Structure formats: C-alpha cells, structure tokens
Amino acid sequence: MICLTNDKWDRIKAQLEQDSLIDFLIIQKSWSLQTFGPGRRTVGLCNHIKSELTEILAEPDSLEEWIDVIVLALDATWRLGATPEEVVETLMNKQQQNLLRLWGPPPPEDQPSFHIKE
C-alpha cells in the first residue's frame, strides 16, 4: 500500500503552479494506479461508493464522507480513458446543461430532484 507523508504532499502541492482540478486529477491518477492497479474496476468502485453512501446516511454532515464519493467517482473517470482536461470540460458542460434545464418545484427532502423532460 502506498501512503504519502504530509511532507511529501506539501512538496507536491508546492510544485503546482496553481491549485486546480486538473492538477488534482493528475496526482490522483498516478497514486491510484500505483495503489490499486490498472483496469476499470467498475464493480469495485461502485461497491465502494455504495459503502460511502451508507456512511453518509449515518453521518450526513460529514464533508469527508461526501468527498470520498467525489474522489471515487473522479477515479473512475481516468479508468474509463478520460483525460483530466476532458473531465473538467465535461463537468463544466454538464453544469451548463443543468443550468439551462427546466426544474420543477423542490420535492420533499427524501426524494430526488429531476429536470423536466422536454
């Protein structure tokens, strides 16, 4: 198992010209590939996300648990072949798409929100 020390993380972070999602994805891919190996790992990642969602339901105010889900989802993006730049572009495009969609009134808190089908 590979583990970064705080000192090593500080050195990596200091080398980056700016904090960005692309920089994060480059570091994440390198670490994940060394730690968990190659391949899609779709079932393993989905099962891990399910486990994290269970932890969120038990502790919904835990920012760290929510971040675990984000990191796992981002890990899956390079495993399907996307570059960091493609991930950021797709993320921005998806946000734009959501902003342009029509949404109904907020549902009850325990129900999902969906856009209105056009």
C-alpha atoms as a PDB file:
ATOM      1  CA  MET A   1       0.000   0.000   0.000  1.00  0.00           C
ATOM      2  CA  ILE A   2       1.288   3.442  -0.905  1.00  0.00           C
ATOM      3  CA  CYS A   3       0.825   6.323   1.511  1.00  0.00           C
ATOM      4  CA  LEU A   4       2.002   9.896   1.126  1.00  0.00           C
ATOM      5  CA  THR A   5       3.509  11.633   4.105  1.00  0.00           C
ATOM      6  CA  ASN A   6       2.439  15.160   4.935  1.00  0.00           C
ATOM      7  CA  ASP A   7       5.894  16.374   3.906  1.00  0.00           C
ATOM      8  CA  LYS A   8       5.682  14.691   0.506  1.00  0.00           C
ATOM      9  CA  TRP A   9       2.177  16.054  -0.065  1.00  0.00           C
ATOM     10  CA  ASP A  10       3.400  19.550   0.856  1.00  0.00           C
ATOM     11  CA  ARG A  11       6.252  19.231  -1.670  1.00  0.00           C
ATOM     12  CA  ILE A  12       3.890  18.056  -4.429  1.00  0.00           C
ATOM     13  CA  LYS A  13       1.437  20.820  -3.688  1.00  0.00           C
ATOM     14  CA  ALA A  14       4.235  23.424  -3.672  1.00  0.00           C
ATOM     15  CA  GLN A  15       5.343  22.258  -7.127  1.00  0.00           C
ATOM     16  CA  LEU A  16       1.970  23.005  -8.640  1.00  0.00           C
ATOM     17  CA  GLU A  17       1.706  26.454 -10.199  1.00  0.00           C
ATOM     18  CA  GLN A  18      -1.908  26.682  -9.069  1.00  0.00           C
ATOM     19  CA  ASP A  19      -4.448  24.530  -7.340  1.00  0.00           C
ATOM     20  CA  SER A  20      -6.766  23.135  -9.966  1.00  0.00           C
ATOM     21  CA  LEU A  21      -8.930  20.133 -10.606  1.00  0.00           C
ATOM     22  CA  ILE A  22      -6.664  19.131 -13.498  1.00  0.00           C
ATOM     23  CA  ASP A  23      -3.642  19.087 -11.170  1.00  0.00           C
ATOM     24  CA  PHE A  24      -5.627  17.081  -8.635  1.00  0.00           C
ATOM     25  CA  LEU A  25      -6.666  14.537 -11.290  1.00  0.00           C
ATOM     26  CA  ILE A  26      -3.083  14.075 -12.497  1.00  0.00           C
ATOM     27  CA  ILE A  27      -1.867  13.336  -8.962  1.00  0.00           C
ATOM     28  CA  GLN A  28      -4.912  11.163  -8.181  1.00  0.00           C
ATOM     29  CA  LYS A  29      -4.426   9.001 -11.281  1.00  0.00           C
ATOM     30  CA  SER A  30      -0.746   8.388 -10.549  1.00  0.00           C
ATOM     31  CA  TRP A  31      -1.419   7.469  -6.919  1.00  0.00           C
ATOM     32  CA  SER A  32      -4.462   5.333  -7.715  1.00  0.00           C
ATOM     33  CA  LEU A  33      -2.701   3.418 -10.476  1.00  0.00           C
ATOM     34  CA  GLN A  34       0.218   2.616  -8.151  1.00  0.00           C
ATOM     35  CA  THR A  35      -2.041   1.784  -5.206  1.00  0.00           C
ATOM     36  CA  PHE A  36      -4.952  -0.086  -6.815  1.00  0.00           C
ATOM     37  CA  GLY A  37      -3.549  -1.098 -10.186  1.00  0.00           C
ATOM     38  CA  PRO A  38      -4.867  -0.655 -13.704  1.00  0.00           C
ATOM     39  CA  GLY A  39      -8.243  -1.555 -15.150  1.00  0.00           C
ATOM     40  CA  ARG A  40     -11.732  -0.175 -14.948  1.00  0.00           C
ATOM     41  CA  ARG A  41     -12.563  -1.612 -11.506  1.00  0.00           C
ATOM     42  CA  THR A  42     -16.176  -0.570 -12.146  1.00  0.00           C
ATOM     43  CA  VAL A  43     -17.794  -3.065  -9.788  1.00  0.00           C
ATOM     44  CA  GLY A  44     -15.263  -2.400  -7.038  1.00  0.00           C
ATOM     45  CA  LEU A  45     -15.641   1.375  -7.371  1.00  0.00           C
ATOM     46  CA  CYS A  46     -19.444   1.165  -7.390  1.00  0.00           C
ATOM     47  CA  ASN A  47     -19.421  -1.074  -4.328  1.00  0.00           C
ATOM     48  CA  HIS A  48     -17.064   1.324  -2.564  1.00  0.00           C
ATOM     49  CA  ILE A  49     -19.329   4.269  -3.467  1.00  0.00           C
ATOM     50  CA  LYS A  50     -22.333   2.347  -2.090  1.00  0.00           C
ATOM     51  CA  SER A  51     -20.400   1.810   1.127  1.00  0.00           C
ATOM     52  CA  GLU A  52     -19.572   5.518   1.340  1.00  0.00           C
ATOM     53  CA  LEU A  53     -23.234   6.423   0.719  1.00  0.00           C
ATOM     54  CA  THR A  54     -24.210   4.225   3.654  1.00  0.00           C
ATOM     55  CA  GLU A  55     -21.698   6.136   5.778  1.00  0.00           C
ATOM     56  CA  ILE A  56     -23.190   9.448   4.570  1.00  0.00           C
ATOM     57  CA  LEU A  57     -26.696   8.329   5.558  1.00  0.00           C
ATOM     58  CA  ALA A  58     -25.345   7.563   9.026  1.00  0.00           C
ATOM     59  CA  GLU A  59     -23.380  10.826   9.201  1.00  0.00           C
ATOM     60  CA  PRO A  60     -24.925  13.274   6.686  1.00  0.00           C
ATOM     61  CA  ASP A  61     -22.946  16.294   7.884  1.00  0.00           C
ATOM     62  CA  SER A  62     -19.563  14.670   7.241  1.00  0.00           C
ATOM     63  CA  LEU A  63     -17.868  16.617   4.468  1.00  0.00           C
ATOM     64  CA  GLU A  64     -15.130  13.993   4.388  1.00  0.00           C
ATOM     65  CA  GLU A  65     -17.598  11.203   3.526  1.00  0.00           C
ATOM     66  CA  TRP A  66     -19.084  13.280   0.699  1.00  0.00           C
ATOM     67  CA  ILE A  67     -15.552  13.948  -0.599  1.00  0.00           C
ATOM     68  CA  ASP A  68     -14.840  10.196  -0.541  1.00  0.00           C
ATOM     69  CA  VAL A  69     -17.680   9.719  -3.063  1.00  0.00           C
ATOM     70  CA  ILE A  70     -16.329  12.519  -5.262  1.00  0.00           C
ATOM     71  CA  VAL A  71     -12.792  11.093  -5.221  1.00  0.00           C
ATOM     72  CA  LEU A  72     -14.062   7.613  -6.118  1.00  0.00           C
ATOM     73  CA  ALA A  73     -16.159   8.986  -8.986  1.00  0.00           C
ATOM     74  CA  LEU A  74     -13.211  11.004 -10.286  1.00  0.00           C
ATOM     75  CA  ASP A  75     -11.014   7.895 -10.057  1.00  0.00           C
ATOM     76  CA  ALA A  76     -13.453   6.113 -12.343  1.00  0.00           C
ATOM     77  CA  THR A  77     -13.096   8.830 -14.996  1.00  0.00           C
ATOM     78  CA  TRP A  78      -9.443   8.121 -15.801  1.00  0.00           C
ATOM     79  CA  ARG A  79     -10.146   4.398 -15.625  1.00  0.00           C
ATOM     80  CA  LEU A  80     -12.623   4.739 -18.498  1.00  0.00           C
ATOM     81  CA  GLY A  81      -9.993   6.608 -20.505  1.00  0.00           C
ATOM     82  CA  ALA A  82     -10.850  10.278 -19.942  1.00  0.00           C
ATOM     83  CA  THR A  83      -8.069  12.827 -19.639  1.00  0.00           C
ATOM     84  CA  PRO A  84      -8.116  15.399 -16.827  1.00  0.00           C
ATOM     85  CA  GLU A  85      -8.951  18.068 -19.393  1.00  0.00           C
ATOM     86  CA  GLU A  86     -11.900  16.009 -20.697  1.00  0.00           C
ATOM     87  CA  VAL A  87     -13.187  15.514 -17.154  1.00  0.00           C
ATOM     88  CA  VAL A  88     -13.104  19.250 -16.421  1.00  0.00           C
ATOM     89  CA  GLU A  89     -14.667  20.126 -19.791  1.00  0.00           C
ATOM     90  CA  THR A  90     -17.429  17.543 -19.341  1.00  0.00           C
ATOM     91  CA  LEU A  91     -18.048  18.724 -15.784  1.00  0.00           C
ATOM     92  CA  MET A  92     -18.402  22.323 -16.956  1.00  0.00           C
ATOM     93  CA  ASN A  93     -20.633  21.302 -19.881  1.00  0.00           C
ATOM     94  CA  LYS A  94     -22.856  19.280 -17.554  1.00  0.00           C
ATOM     95  CA  GLN A  95     -23.197  22.243 -15.200  1.00  0.00           C
ATOM     96  CA  GLN A  96     -24.136  24.483 -18.123  1.00  0.00           C
ATOM     97  CA  GLN A  97     -26.672  21.882 -19.301  1.00  0.00           C
ATOM     98  CA  ASN A  98     -28.216  21.714 -15.817  1.00  0.00           C
ATOM     99  CA  LEU A  99     -28.386  25.493 -15.573  1.00  0.00           C
ATOM    100  CA  LEU A 100     -30.264  25.632 -18.874  1.00  0.00           C
ATOM    101  CA  ARG A 101     -32.780  22.897 -17.988  1.00  0.00           C
ATOM    102  CA  LEU A 102     -36.201  23.467 -16.525  1.00  0.00           C
ATOM    103  CA  TRP A 103     -36.716  22.179 -12.998  1.00  0.00           C
ATOM    104  CA  GLY A 104     -39.961  21.703 -11.137  1.00  0.00           C
ATOM    105  CA  PRO A 105     -40.607  22.803  -7.583  1.00  0.00           C
ATOM    106  CA  PRO A 106     -38.351  21.255  -4.951  1.00  0.00           C
ATOM    107  CA  PRO A 107     -39.576  17.780  -3.967  1.00  0.00           C
ATOM    108  CA  PRO A 108     -39.721  16.520  -0.383  1.00  0.00           C
ATOM    109  CA  GLU A 109     -36.242  16.308   1.150  1.00  0.00           C
ATOM    110  CA  ASP A 110     -36.131  12.495   0.904  1.00  0.00           C
ATOM    111  CA  GLN A 111     -36.963  12.443  -2.833  1.00  0.00           C
ATOM    112  CA  PRO A 112     -34.623  13.054  -5.792  1.00  0.00           C
ATOM    113  CA  SER A 113     -34.903  16.123  -7.994  1.00  0.00           C
ATOM    114  CA  PHE A 114     -35.167  15.608 -11.747  1.00  0.00           C
ATOM    115  CA  HIS A 115     -35.291  18.078 -14.579  1.00  0.00           C
ATOM    116  CA  ILE A 116     -38.465  18.429 -16.617  1.00  0.00           C
ATOM    117  CA  LYS A 117     -38.256  16.246 -19.727  1.00  0.00           C
ATOM    118  CA  GLU A 118     -38.535  18.322 -22.875  1.00  0.00           C
END
